[in-house]
Amino acid sequence: MPEPPAASIQVEGGDPVVGELGGFTWKNGGSAAPWLPGAPIHIGSSERVTLTLADPVGIANWTASYVPATDLDSIAPLGLGEGAGGPVTFGAPPPGRWSVHVGVWFADNEGDAAYFWLVEVD
């Protein structure tokens, strides 16, 4: 089954980290998934995070949110940012260990995808 493009996040001067793909709809297919812990990345509390897609697919809308890494399912996610189109950039969550989710709705009704990272913030 085809999947949406991989997504990575990075901070200025840091290496990109590819996120874990969660639930998605893409080219007449899809998959459901719960909130995932995500791919590990370490960032500073004052840094800006930028998301990049592996393929040049347009972004209609996006949201970024987080939950404590130890409690993925029992609390409402806290917002980090949202926007229409790109670029996708948002501030780091507060110091701690978090599961960060970025939801992307692709342009031209291509579908949507949920990406996850396990973020350690100083």
PDB file of N, CA and C in Angstrom:
ATOM      1  N   MET A   1       0.857  -1.169   0.000  1.00  0.00           N
ATOM      2  CA  MET A   1       0.000   0.000   0.000  1.00  0.00           C
ATOM      3  C   MET A   1       0.903   1.233   0.000  1.00  0.00           C
ATOM      4  N   PRO A   2       0.589   2.203  -0.826  1.00  0.00           N
ATOM      5  CA  PRO A   2       1.394   3.428  -0.829  1.00  0.00           C
ATOM      6  C   PRO A   2       1.216   4.205   0.474  1.00  0.00           C
ATOM      7  N   GLU A   3       2.294   4.850   0.888  1.00  0.00           N
ATOM      8  CA  GLU A   3       2.277   5.668   2.102  1.00  0.00           C
ATOM      9  C   GLU A   3       2.610   7.104   1.754  1.00  0.00           C
ATOM     10  N   PRO A   4       2.184   8.041   2.600  1.00  0.00           N
ATOM     11  CA  PRO A   4       2.551   9.445   2.382  1.00  0.00           C
ATOM     12  C   PRO A   4       4.064   9.605   2.541  1.00  0.00           C
ATOM     13  N   PRO A   5       4.601  10.732   2.114  1.00  0.00           N
ATOM     14  CA  PRO A   5       6.048  10.927   2.236  1.00  0.00           C
ATOM     15  C   PRO A   5       6.498  10.945   3.689  1.00  0.00           C
ATOM     16  N   ALA A   6       7.722  10.511   3.900  1.00  0.00           N
ATOM     17  CA  ALA A   6       8.314  10.581   5.236  1.00  0.00           C
ATOM     18  C   ALA A   6       8.460  12.052   5.621  1.00  0.00           C
ATOM     19  N   ALA A   7       8.431  12.313   6.922  1.00  0.00           N
ATOM     20  CA  ALA A   7       8.609  13.674   7.434  1.00  0.00           C
ATOM     21  C   ALA A   7       9.725  13.651   8.462  1.00  0.00           C
ATOM     22  N   SER A   8      10.552  14.685   8.434  1.00  0.00           N
ATOM     23  CA  SER A   8      11.606  14.809   9.438  1.00  0.00           C
ATOM     24  C   SER A   8      11.494  16.180  10.095  1.00  0.00           C
ATOM     25  N   ILE A   9      11.972  16.247  11.341  1.00  0.00           N
ATOM     26  CA  ILE A   9      12.072  17.537  12.020  1.00  0.00           C
ATOM     27  C   ILE A   9      13.530  17.773  12.378  1.00  0.00           C
ATOM     28  N   GLN A  10      13.870  19.053  12.500  1.00  0.00           N
ATOM     29  CA  GLN A  10      15.198  19.422  12.944  1.00  0.00           C
ATOM     30  C   GLN A  10      15.157  20.828  13.513  1.00  0.00           C
ATOM     31  N   VAL A  11      16.193  21.136  14.272  1.00  0.00           N
ATOM     32  CA  VAL A  11      16.398  22.491  14.766  1.00  0.00           C
ATOM     33  C   VAL A  11      17.605  23.050  14.028  1.00  0.00           C
ATOM     34  N   GLU A  12      17.754  24.363  14.029  1.00  0.00           N
ATOM     35  CA  GLU A  12      18.853  24.988  13.306  1.00  0.00           C
ATOM     36  C   GLU A  12      20.189  24.401  13.750  1.00  0.00           C
ATOM     37  N   GLY A  13      20.959  23.926  12.789  1.00  0.00           N
ATOM     38  CA  GLY A  13      22.258  23.340  13.065  1.00  0.00           C
ATOM     39  C   GLY A  13      22.208  21.879  13.468  1.00  0.00           C
ATOM     40  N   GLY A  14      21.019  21.308  13.626  1.00  0.00           N
ATOM     41  CA  GLY A  14      20.886  19.908  14.031  1.00  0.00           C
ATOM     42  C   GLY A  14      20.613  18.996  12.852  1.00  0.00           C
ATOM     43  N   ASP A  15      20.787  17.718  13.078  1.00  0.00           N
ATOM     44  CA  ASP A  15      20.495  16.726  12.052  1.00  0.00           C
ATOM     45  C   ASP A  15      18.997  16.443  12.014  1.00  0.00           C
ATOM     46  N   PRO A  16      18.437  16.211  10.813  1.00  0.00           N
ATOM     47  CA  PRO A  16      17.014  15.870  10.735  1.00  0.00           C
ATOM     48  C   PRO A  16      16.755  14.465  11.285  1.00  0.00           C
ATOM     49  N   VAL A  17      15.600  14.299  11.906  1.00  0.00           N
ATOM     50  CA  VAL A  17      15.183  12.999  12.439  1.00  0.00           C
ATOM     51  C   VAL A  17      13.840  12.664  11.810  1.00  0.00           C
ATOM     52  N   VAL A  18      13.785  11.519  11.131  1.00  0.00           N
ATOM     53  CA  VAL A  18      12.553  11.071  10.476  1.00  0.00           C
ATOM     54  C   VAL A  18      11.573  10.598  11.535  1.00  0.00           C
ATOM     55  N   GLY A  19      10.334  11.057  11.440  1.00  0.00           N
ATOM     56  CA  GLY A  19       9.307  10.703  12.406  1.00  0.00           C
ATOM     57  C   GLY A  19       8.692   9.350  12.145  1.00  0.00           C
ATOM     58  N   GLU A  20       8.024   8.842  13.164  1.00  0.00           N
ATOM     59  CA  GLU A  20       7.250   7.613  13.044  1.00  0.00           C
ATOM     60  C   GLU A  20       5.919   7.966  12.395  1.00  0.00           C
ATOM     61  N   LEU A  21       5.561   7.245  11.356  1.00  0.00           N
ATOM     62  CA  LEU A  21       4.289   7.471  10.681  1.00  0.00           C
ATOM     63  C   LEU A  21       3.181   6.781  11.456  1.00  0.00           C
ATOM     64  N   GLY A  22       2.163   7.545  11.812  1.00  0.00           N
ATOM     65  CA  GLY A  22       0.999   6.999  12.489  1.00  0.00           C
ATOM     66  C   GLY A  22      -0.119   6.781  11.484  1.00  0.00           C
ATOM     67  N   GLY A  23      -1.329   7.114  11.866  1.00  0.00           N
ATOM     68  CA  GLY A  23      -2.473   6.960  10.980  1.00  0.00           C
ATOM     69  C   GLY A  23      -2.386   7.894   9.789  1.00  0.00           C
ATOM     70  N   PHE A  24      -2.912   7.442   8.654  1.00  0.00           N
ATOM     71  CA  PHE A  24      -2.869   8.265   7.441  1.00  0.00           C
ATOM     72  C   PHE A  24      -3.933   7.835   6.454  1.00  0.00           C
ATOM     73  N   THR A  25      -4.252   8.727   5.524  1.00  0.00           N
ATOM     74  CA  THR A  25      -4.996   8.401   4.305  1.00  0.00           C
ATOM     75  C   THR A  25      -4.139   8.923   3.164  1.00  0.00           C
ATOM     76  N   TRP A  26      -3.991   8.114   2.123  1.00  0.00           N
ATOM     77  CA  TRP A  26      -3.091   8.487   1.031  1.00  0.00           C
ATOM     78  C   TRP A  26      -3.426   7.679  -0.203  1.00  0.00           C
ATOM     79  N   LYS A  27      -3.717   8.376  -1.300  1.00  0.00           N
ATOM     80  CA  LYS A  27      -3.955   7.744  -2.607  1.00  0.00           C
ATOM     81  C   LYS A  27      -4.891   6.534  -2.503  1.00  0.00           C
ATOM     82  N   ASN A  28      -6.069   6.775  -1.960  1.00  0.00           N
ATOM     83  CA  ASN A  28      -7.126   5.767  -1.836  1.00  0.00           C
ATOM     84  C   ASN A  28      -6.799   4.628  -0.887  1.00  0.00           C
ATOM     85  N   GLY A  29      -5.842   4.807  -0.012  1.00  0.00           N
ATOM     86  CA  GLY A  29      -5.520   3.815   1.004  1.00  0.00           C
ATOM     87  C   GLY A  29      -5.373   4.512   2.330  1.00  0.00           C
ATOM     88  N   GLY A  30      -5.109   3.735   3.352  1.00  0.00           N
ATOM     89  CA  GLY A  30      -4.910   4.349   4.645  1.00  0.00           C
ATOM     90  C   GLY A  30      -4.643   3.333   5.721  1.00  0.00           C
ATOM     91  N   SER A  31      -4.349   3.846   6.897  1.00  0.00           N
ATOM     92  CA  SER A  31      -4.068   3.015   8.050  1.00  0.00           C
ATOM     93  C   SER A  31      -4.401   3.813   9.302  1.00  0.00           C
ATOM     94  N   ALA A  32      -4.953   3.146  10.290  1.00  0.00           N
ATOM     95  CA  ALA A  32      -5.257   3.786  11.569  1.00  0.00           C
ATOM     96  C   ALA A  32      -4.156   3.428  12.557  1.00  0.00           C
ATOM     97  N   ALA A  33      -3.867   4.326  13.472  1.00  0.00           N
ATOM     98  CA  ALA A  33      -2.863   4.074  14.506  1.00  0.00           C
ATOM     99  C   ALA A  33      -3.175   4.939  15.713  1.00  0.00           C
ATOM    100  N   PRO A  34      -2.823   4.454  16.919  1.00  0.00           N
ATOM    101  CA  PRO A  34      -2.985   5.291  18.120  1.00  0.00           C
ATOM    102  C   PRO A  34      -1.869   6.327  18.172  1.00  0.00           C
ATOM    103  N   TRP A  35      -1.883   7.154  19.201  1.00  0.00           N
ATOM    104  CA  TRP A  35      -0.792   8.095  19.440  1.00  0.00           C
ATOM    105  C   TRP A  35       0.459   7.261  19.703  1.00  0.00           C
ATOM    106  N   LEU A  36       1.542   7.546  19.014  1.00  0.00           N
ATOM    107  CA  LEU A  36       2.782   6.782  19.137  1.00  0.00           C
ATOM    108  C   LEU A  36       3.817   7.562  19.946  1.00  0.00           C
ATOM    109  N   PRO A  37       4.771   6.870  20.607  1.00  0.00           N
ATOM    110  CA  PRO A  37       5.832   7.594  21.311  1.00  0.00           C
ATOM    111  C   PRO A  37       6.667   8.430  20.350  1.00  0.00           C
ATOM    112  N   GLY A  38       7.095   7.863  19.236  1.00  0.00           N
ATOM    113  CA  GLY A  38       7.820   8.603  18.218  1.00  0.00           C
ATOM    114  C   GLY A  38       9.306   8.323  18.170  1.00  0.00           C
ATOM    115  N   ALA A  39       9.943   8.888  17.158  1.00  0.00           N
ATOM    116  CA  ALA A  39      11.383   8.755  16.948  1.00  0.00           C
ATOM    117  C   ALA A  39      12.120   9.729  17.862  1.00  0.00           C
ATOM    118  N   PRO A  40      13.181   9.301  18.550  1.00  0.00           N
ATOM    119  CA  PRO A  40      13.848  10.170  19.527  1.00  0.00           C
ATOM    120  C   PRO A  40      14.653  11.314  18.902  1.00  0.00           C
ATOM    121  N   ILE A  41      14.526  12.489  19.531  1.00  0.00           N
ATOM    122  CA  ILE A  41      15.300  13.667  19.151  1.00  0.00           C
ATOM    123  C   ILE A  41      15.480  14.520  20.404  1.00  0.00           C
ATOM    124  N   HIS A  42      16.625  15.166  20.522  1.00  0.00           N
ATOM    125  CA  HIS A  42      16.945  16.021  21.660  1.00  0.00           C
ATOM    126  C   HIS A  42      17.030  17.461  21.164  1.00  0.00           C
ATOM    127  N   ILE A  43      16.326  18.388  21.832  1.00  0.00           N
ATOM    128  CA  ILE A  43      16.353  19.798  21.423  1.00  0.00           C
ATOM    129  C   ILE A  43      16.384  20.707  22.648  1.00  0.00           C
ATOM    130  N   GLY A  44      16.803  21.940  22.445  1.00  0.00           N
ATOM    131  CA  GLY A  44      16.814  22.929  23.513  1.00  0.00           C
ATOM    132  C   GLY A  44      15.466  23.607  23.654  1.00  0.00           C
ATOM    133  N   SER A  45      15.176  24.118  24.842  1.00  0.00           N
ATOM    134  CA  SER A  45      13.848  24.677  25.122  1.00  0.00           C
ATOM    135  C   SER A  45      13.518  25.939  24.331  1.00  0.00           C
ATOM    136  N   SER A  46      14.514  26.659  23.868  1.00  0.00           N
ATOM    137  CA  SER A  46      14.223  27.896  23.137  1.00  0.00           C
ATOM    138  C   SER A  46      14.321  27.722  21.622  1.00  0.00           C
ATOM    139  N   GLU A  47      14.524  26.506  21.158  1.00  0.00           N
ATOM    140  CA  GLU A  47      14.735  26.299  19.727  1.00  0.00           C
ATOM    141  C   GLU A  47      13.422  26.207  18.947  1.00  0.00           C
ATOM    142  N   ARG A  48      13.510  26.597  17.675  1.00  0.00           N
ATOM    143  CA  ARG A  48      12.394  26.443  16.733  1.00  0.00           C
ATOM    144  C   ARG A  48      12.592  25.132  15.993  1.00  0.00           C
ATOM    145  N   VAL A  49      11.511  24.435  15.762  1.00  0.00           N
ATOM    146  CA  VAL A  49      11.514  23.145  15.082  1.00  0.00           C
ATOM    147  C   VAL A  49      10.936  23.340  13.686  1.00  0.00           C
ATOM    148  N   THR A  50      11.564  22.725  12.683  1.00  0.00           N
ATOM    149  CA  THR A  50      11.088  22.802  11.305  1.00  0.00           C
ATOM    150  C   THR A  50      10.851  21.402  10.778  1.00  0.00           C
ATOM    151  N   LEU A  51       9.701  21.188  10.158  1.00  0.00           N
ATOM    152  CA  LEU A  51       9.355  19.910   9.543  1.00  0.00           C
ATOM    153  C   LEU A  51       9.595  19.994   8.043  1.00  0.00           C
ATOM    154  N   THR A  52      10.156  18.914   7.495  1.00  0.00           N
ATOM    155  CA  THR A  52      10.403  18.807   6.062  1.00  0.00           C
ATOM    156  C   THR A  52       9.862  17.471   5.572  1.00  0.00           C
ATOM    157  N   LEU A  53       9.162  17.481   4.437  1.00  0.00           N
ATOM    158  CA  LEU A  53       8.685  16.249   3.818  1.00  0.00           C
ATOM    159  C   LEU A  53       9.735  15.722   2.849  1.00  0.00           C
ATOM    160  N   ALA A  54       9.847  14.393   2.741  1.00  0.00           N
ATOM    161  CA  ALA A  54      10.834  13.768   1.865  1.00  0.00           C
ATOM    162  C   ALA A  54      10.515  13.994   0.391  1.00  0.00           C
ATOM    163  N   ASP A  55       9.248  14.166   0.057  1.00  0.00           N
ATOM    164  CA  ASP A  55       8.824  14.421  -1.321  1.00  0.00           C
ATOM    165  C   ASP A  55       8.181  15.803  -1.386  1.00  0.00           C
ATOM    166  N   PRO A  56       8.273  16.460  -2.531  1.00  0.00           N
ATOM    167  CA  PRO A  56       7.705  17.813  -2.653  1.00  0.00           C
ATOM    168  C   PRO A  56       6.177  17.792  -2.797  1.00  0.00           C
ATOM    169  N   VAL A  57       5.509  17.501  -1.701  1.00  0.00           N
ATOM    170  CA  VAL A  57       4.049  17.447  -1.668  1.00  0.00           C
ATOM    171  C   VAL A  57       3.562  18.721  -0.987  1.00  0.00           C
ATOM    172  N   GLY A  58       2.554  19.358  -1.547  1.00  0.00           N
ATOM    173  CA  GLY A  58       2.013  20.571  -0.955  1.00  0.00           C
ATOM    174  C   GLY A  58       1.292  20.288   0.351  1.00  0.00           C
ATOM    175  N   ILE A  59       1.341  21.257   1.253  1.00  0.00           N
ATOM    176  CA  ILE A  59       0.663  21.151   2.546  1.00  0.00           C
ATOM    177  C   ILE A  59      -0.483  22.156   2.571  1.00  0.00           C
ATOM    178  N   ALA A  60      -1.690  21.659   2.841  1.00  0.00           N
ATOM    179  CA  ALA A  60      -2.851  22.542   2.968  1.00  0.00           C
ATOM    180  C   ALA A  60      -2.903  23.130   4.375  1.00  0.00           C
ATOM    181  N   ASN A  61      -2.792  22.276   5.391  1.00  0.00           N
ATOM    182  CA  ASN A  61      -2.866  22.682   6.795  1.00  0.00           C
ATOM    183  C   ASN A  61      -2.020  21.745   7.633  1.00  0.00           C
ATOM    184  N   TRP A  62      -1.675  22.209   8.833  1.00  0.00           N
ATOM    185  CA  TRP A  62      -0.924  21.370   9.765  1.00  0.00           C
ATOM    186  C   TRP A  62      -1.212  21.803  11.196  1.00  0.00           C
ATOM    187  N   THR A  63      -1.003  20.879  12.124  1.00  0.00           N
ATOM    188  CA  THR A  63      -1.078  21.168  13.555  1.00  0.00           C
ATOM    189  C   THR A  63       0.065  20.429  14.247  1.00  0.00           C
ATOM    190  N   ALA A  64       0.561  20.986  15.327  1.00  0.00           N
ATOM    191  CA  ALA A  64       1.584  20.334  16.145  1.00  0.00           C
ATOM    192  C   ALA A  64       1.121  20.369  17.593  1.00  0.00           C
ATOM    193  N   SER A  65       1.265  19.244  18.284  1.00  0.00           N
ATOM    194  CA  SER A  65       0.845  19.160  19.677  1.00  0.00           C
ATOM    195  C   SER A  65       1.713  18.145  20.407  1.00  0.00           C
ATOM    196  N   TYR A  66       1.554  18.091  21.725  1.00  0.00           N
ATOM    197  CA  TYR A  66       2.377  17.180  22.511  1.00  0.00           C
ATOM    198  C   TYR A  66       1.638  16.676  23.748  1.00  0.00           C
ATOM    199  N   VAL A  67       2.112  15.529  24.245  1.00  0.00           N
ATOM    200  CA  VAL A  67       1.643  14.943  25.498  1.00  0.00           C
ATOM    201  C   VAL A  67       2.868  14.405  26.235  1.00  0.00           C
ATOM    202  N   PRO A  68       2.770  14.203  27.561  1.00  0.00           N
ATOM    203  CA  PRO A  68       3.900  13.596  28.268  1.00  0.00           C
ATOM    204  C   PRO A  68       4.217  12.220  27.681  1.00  0.00           C
ATOM    205  N   ALA A  69       5.485  11.911  27.538  1.00  0.00           N
ATOM    206  CA  ALA A  69       5.897  10.636  26.948  1.00  0.00           C
ATOM    207  C   ALA A  69       5.443   9.444  27.774  1.00  0.00           C
ATOM    208  N   THR A  70       5.183   9.664  29.047  1.00  0.00           N
ATOM    209  CA  THR A  70       4.750   8.574  29.930  1.00  0.00           C
ATOM    210  C   THR A  70       3.236   8.406  29.970  1.00  0.00           C
ATOM    211  N   ASP A  71       2.492   9.254  29.279  1.00  0.00           N
ATOM    212  CA  ASP A  71       1.034   9.261  29.403  1.00  0.00           C
ATOM    213  C   ASP A  71       0.395   9.584  28.057  1.00  0.00           C
ATOM    214  N   LEU A  72       0.562   8.707  27.084  1.00  0.00           N
ATOM    215  CA  LEU A  72       0.157   9.007  25.708  1.00  0.00           C
ATOM    216  C   LEU A  72      -1.352   9.106  25.495  1.00  0.00           C
ATOM    217  N   ASP A  73      -2.134   8.394  26.303  1.00  0.00           N
ATOM    218  CA  ASP A  73      -3.555   8.283  25.982  1.00  0.00           C
ATOM    219  C   ASP A  73      -4.524   8.955  26.944  1.00  0.00           C
ATOM    220  N   SER A  74      -4.051   9.440  28.093  1.00  0.00           N
ATOM    221  CA  SER A  74      -5.039   9.851  29.089  1.00  0.00           C
ATOM    222  C   SER A  74      -5.221  11.356  29.249  1.00  0.00           C
ATOM    223  N   ILE A  75      -4.417  12.167  28.553  1.00  0.00           N
ATOM    224  CA  ILE A  75      -4.650  13.605  28.669  1.00  0.00           C
ATOM    225  C   ILE A  75      -4.822  14.209  27.284  1.00  0.00           C
ATOM    226  N   ALA A  76      -5.478  15.361  27.257  1.00  0.00           N
ATOM    227  CA  ALA A  76      -5.674  16.053  25.979  1.00  0.00           C
ATOM    228  C   ALA A  76      -4.343  16.641  25.527  1.00  0.00           C
ATOM    229  N   PRO A  77      -4.016  16.521  24.247  1.00  0.00           N
ATOM    230  CA  PRO A  77      -2.769  17.102  23.739  1.00  0.00           C
ATOM    231  C   PRO A  77      -2.754  18.619  23.912  1.00  0.00           C
ATOM    232  N   LEU A  78      -1.560  19.145  24.139  1.00  0.00           N
ATOM    233  CA  LEU A  78      -1.356  20.584  24.263  1.00  0.00           C
ATOM    234  C   LEU A  78      -0.791  21.106  22.955  1.00  0.00           C
ATOM    235  N   GLY A  79      -1.267  22.253  22.500  1.00  0.00           N
ATOM    236  CA  GLY A  79      -0.885  22.783  21.198  1.00  0.00           C
ATOM    237  C   GLY A  79       0.502  23.409  21.168  1.00  0.00           C
ATOM    238  N   LEU A  80       1.193  23.205  20.048  1.00  0.00           N
ATOM    239  CA  LEU A  80       2.482  23.848  19.779  1.00  0.00           C
ATOM    240  C   LEU A  80       2.392  24.824  18.616  1.00  0.00           C
ATOM    241  N   GLY A  81       1.401  24.636  17.756  1.00  0.00           N
ATOM    242  CA  GLY A  81       1.249  25.519  16.612  1.00  0.00           C
ATOM    243  C   GLY A  81       0.343  24.912  15.566  1.00  0.00           C
ATOM    244  N   GLU A  82      -0.043  25.750  14.622  1.00  0.00           N
ATOM    245  CA  GLU A  82      -0.867  25.308  13.495  1.00  0.00           C
ATOM    246  C   GLU A  82      -0.715  26.328  12.387  1.00  0.00           C
ATOM    247  N   GLY A  83      -1.044  25.911  11.181  1.00  0.00           N
ATOM    248  CA  GLY A  83      -0.933  26.847  10.084  1.00  0.00           C
ATOM    249  C   GLY A  83      -1.538  26.316   8.809  1.00  0.00           C
ATOM    250  N   ALA A  84      -1.654  27.198   7.851  1.00  0.00           N
ATOM    251  CA  ALA A  84      -2.119  26.841   6.512  1.00  0.00           C
ATOM    252  C   ALA A  84      -0.911  26.909   5.587  1.00  0.00           C
ATOM    253  N   GLY A  85      -0.684  25.863   4.837  1.00  0.00           N
ATOM    254  CA  GLY A  85       0.472  25.819   3.946  1.00  0.00           C
ATOM    255  C   GLY A  85       1.757  25.639   4.728  1.00  0.00           C
ATOM    256  N   GLY A  86       2.854  25.840   4.033  1.00  0.00           N
ATOM    257  CA  GLY A  86       4.162  25.706   4.676  1.00  0.00           C
ATOM    258  C   GLY A  86       4.793  27.065   4.796  1.00  0.00           C
ATOM    259  N   PRO A  87       5.911  27.209   5.417  1.00  0.00           N
ATOM    260  CA  PRO A  87       6.638  26.117   6.057  1.00  0.00           C
ATOM    261  C   PRO A  87       6.006  25.725   7.395  1.00  0.00           C
ATOM    262  N   VAL A  88       6.340  24.524   7.844  1.00  0.00           N
ATOM    263  CA  VAL A  88       5.859  24.035   9.130  1.00  0.00           C
ATOM    264  C   VAL A  88       6.964  24.296  10.152  1.00  0.00           C
ATOM    265  N   THR A  89       6.750  25.267  11.017  1.00  0.00           N
ATOM    266  CA  THR A  89       7.700  25.584  12.084  1.00  0.00           C
ATOM    267  C   THR A  89       6.931  25.876  13.363  1.00  0.00           C
ATOM    268  N   PHE A  90       7.509  25.472  14.485  1.00  0.00           N
ATOM    269  CA  PHE A  90       6.874  25.708  15.777  1.00  0.00           C
ATOM    270  C   PHE A  90       7.943  25.677  16.860  1.00  0.00           C
ATOM    271  N   GLY A  91       7.614  26.231  18.018  1.00  0.00           N
ATOM    272  CA  GLY A  91       8.530  26.253  19.148  1.00  0.00           C
ATOM    273  C   GLY A  91       8.559  24.921  19.875  1.00  0.00           C
ATOM    274  N   ALA A  92       9.641  24.682  20.584  1.00  0.00           N
ATOM    275  CA  ALA A  92       9.796  23.464  21.379  1.00  0.00           C
ATOM    276  C   ALA A  92       8.797  23.454  22.537  1.00  0.00           C
ATOM    277  N   PRO A  93       8.384  22.259  22.956  1.00  0.00           N
ATOM    278  CA  PRO A  93       7.595  22.194  24.191  1.00  0.00           C
ATOM    279  C   PRO A  93       8.484  22.563  25.386  1.00  0.00           C
ATOM    280  N   PRO A  94       7.909  22.679  26.583  1.00  0.00           N
ATOM    281  CA  PRO A  94       8.718  23.020  27.760  1.00  0.00           C
ATOM    282  C   PRO A  94       9.710  21.894  28.092  1.00  0.00           C
ATOM    283  N   PRO A  95      10.664  22.180  28.965  1.00  0.00           N
ATOM    284  CA  PRO A  95      11.616  21.134  29.340  1.00  0.00           C
ATOM    285  C   PRO A  95      10.899  19.877  29.833  1.00  0.00           C
ATOM    286  N   GLY A  96      11.406  18.729  29.410  1.00  0.00           N
ATOM    287  CA  GLY A  96      10.819  17.453  29.783  1.00  0.00           C
ATOM    288  C   GLY A  96      10.942  16.455  28.655  1.00  0.00           C
ATOM    289  N   ARG A  97      10.209  15.374  28.779  1.00  0.00           N
ATOM    290  CA  ARG A  97      10.208  14.301  27.772  1.00  0.00           C
ATOM    291  C   ARG A  97       8.781  14.181  27.241  1.00  0.00           C
ATOM    292  N   TRP A  98       8.633  14.410  25.944  1.00  0.00           N
ATOM    293  CA  TRP A  98       7.308  14.535  25.336  1.00  0.00           C
ATOM    294  C   TRP A  98       7.186  13.700  24.078  1.00  0.00           C
ATOM    295  N   SER A  99       5.972  13.287  23.795  1.00  0.00           N
ATOM    296  CA  SER A  99       5.646  12.737  22.483  1.00  0.00           C
ATOM    297  C   SER A  99       5.009  13.867  21.687  1.00  0.00           C
ATOM    298  N   VAL A 100       5.654  14.237  20.581  1.00  0.00           N
ATOM    299  CA  VAL A 100       5.176  15.344  19.750  1.00  0.00           C
ATOM    300  C   VAL A 100       4.537  14.780  18.492  1.00  0.00           C
ATOM    301  N   HIS A 101       3.362  15.276  18.185  1.00  0.00           N
ATOM    302  CA  HIS A 101       2.591  14.865  17.013  1.00  0.00           C
ATOM    303  C   HIS A 101       2.487  16.042  16.051  1.00  0.00           C
ATOM    304  N   VAL A 102       2.762  15.790  14.775  1.00  0.00           N
ATOM    305  CA  VAL A 102       2.479  16.783  13.743  1.00  0.00           C
ATOM    306  C   VAL A 102       1.503  16.142  12.770  1.00  0.00           C
ATOM    307  N   GLY A 103       0.320  16.733  12.652  1.00  0.00           N
ATOM    308  CA  GLY A 103      -0.684  16.287  11.698  1.00  0.00           C
ATOM    309  C   GLY A 103      -0.598  17.151  10.451  1.00  0.00           C
ATOM    310  N   VAL A 104      -0.519  16.511   9.296  1.00  0.00           N
ATOM    311  CA  VAL A 104      -0.399  17.230   8.030  1.00  0.00           C
ATOM    312  C   VAL A 104      -1.571  16.840   7.133  1.00  0.00           C
ATOM    313  N   TRP A 105      -2.255  17.846   6.588  1.00  0.00           N
ATOM    314  CA  TRP A 105      -3.286  17.640   5.572  1.00  0.00           C
ATOM    315  C   TRP A 105      -2.683  18.141   4.269  1.00  0.00           C
ATOM    316  N   PHE A 106      -2.555  17.238   3.322  1.00  0.00           N
ATOM    317  CA  PHE A 106      -1.869  17.554   2.078  1.00  0.00           C
ATOM    318  C   PHE A 106      -2.770  18.325   1.116  1.00  0.00           C
ATOM    319  N   ALA A 107      -2.139  19.159   0.290  1.00  0.00           N
ATOM    320  CA  ALA A 107      -2.854  19.953  -0.717  1.00  0.00           C
ATOM    321  C   ALA A 107      -3.487  19.041  -1.759  1.00  0.00           C
ATOM    322  N   ASP A 108      -4.439  19.587  -2.487  1.00  0.00           N
ATOM    323  CA  ASP A 108      -5.120  18.888  -3.580  1.00  0.00           C
ATOM    324  C   ASP A 108      -5.805  17.603  -3.131  1.00  0.00           C
ATOM    325  N   ASN A 109      -6.247  17.570  -1.859  1.00  0.00           N
ATOM    326  CA  ASN A 109      -6.958  16.410  -1.310  1.00  0.00           C
ATOM    327  C   ASN A 109      -6.181  15.108  -1.468  1.00  0.00           C
ATOM    328  N   GLU A 110      -4.842  15.183  -1.365  1.00  0.00           N
ATOM    329  CA  GLU A 110      -4.001  13.976  -1.463  1.00  0.00           C
ATOM    330  C   GLU A 110      -4.167  13.070  -0.251  1.00  0.00           C
ATOM    331  N   GLY A 111      -4.595  13.630   0.890  1.00  0.00           N
ATOM    332  CA  GLY A 111      -4.760  12.832   2.099  1.00  0.00           C
ATOM    333  C   GLY A 111      -4.231  13.572   3.307  1.00  0.00           C
ATOM    334  N   ASP A 112      -3.932  12.816   4.346  1.00  0.00           N
ATOM    335  CA  ASP A 112      -3.406  13.385   5.584  1.00  0.00           C
ATOM    336  C   ASP A 112      -2.512  12.348   6.251  1.00  0.00           C
ATOM    337  N   ALA A 113      -1.709  12.794   7.197  1.00  0.00           N
ATOM    338  CA  ALA A 113      -0.823  11.878   7.909  1.00  0.00           C
ATOM    339  C   ALA A 113      -0.502  12.425   9.293  1.00  0.00           C
ATOM    340  N   ALA A 114      -0.249  11.511  10.209  1.00  0.00           N
ATOM    341  CA  ALA A 114       0.186  11.843  11.564  1.00  0.00           C
ATOM    342  C   ALA A 114       1.620  11.346  11.725  1.00  0.00           C
ATOM    343  N   TYR A 115       2.502  12.232  12.180  1.00  0.00           N
ATOM    344  CA  TYR A 115       3.910  11.895  12.402  1.00  0.00           C
ATOM    345  C   TYR A 115       4.237  12.150  13.866  1.00  0.00           C
ATOM    346  N   PHE A 116       5.149  11.333  14.437  1.00  0.00           N
ATOM    347  CA  PHE A 116       5.435  11.400  15.868  1.00  0.00           C
ATOM    348  C   PHE A 116       6.937  11.376  16.159  1.00  0.00           C
ATOM    349  N   TRP A 117       7.316  12.139  17.192  1.00  0.00           N
ATOM    350  CA  TRP A 117       8.691  12.170  17.682  1.00  0.00           C
ATOM    351  C   TRP A 117       8.688  12.108  19.204  1.00  0.00           C
ATOM    352  N   LEU A 118       9.671  11.426  19.778  1.00  0.00           N
ATOM    353  CA  LEU A 118       9.895  11.410  21.214  1.00  0.00           C
ATOM    354  C   LEU A 118      10.935  12.482  21.498  1.00  0.00           C
ATOM    355  N   VAL A 119      10.494  13.609  22.042  1.00  0.00           N
ATOM    356  CA  VAL A 119      11.331  14.798  22.162  1.00  0.00           C
ATOM    357  C   VAL A 119      11.795  14.986  23.599  1.00  0.00           C
ATOM    358  N   GLU A 120      13.105  15.038  23.767  1.00  0.00           N
ATOM    359  CA  GLU A 120      13.722  15.370  25.060  1.00  0.00           C
ATOM    360  C   GLU A 120      14.133  16.829  24.977  1.00  0.00           C
ATOM    361  N   VAL A 121      13.574  17.664  25.862  1.00  0.00           N
ATOM    362  CA  VAL A 121      13.832  19.106  25.836  1.00  0.00           C
ATOM    363  C   VAL A 121      14.598  19.498  27.097  1.00  0.00           C
ATOM    364  N   ASP A 122      15.721  20.217  26.908  1.00  0.00           N
ATOM    365  CA  ASP A 122      16.505  20.732  28.048  1.00  0.00           C
ATOM    366  C   ASP A 122      15.828  21.939  28.647  1.00  0.00           C
TER     367      ASP A 122
END
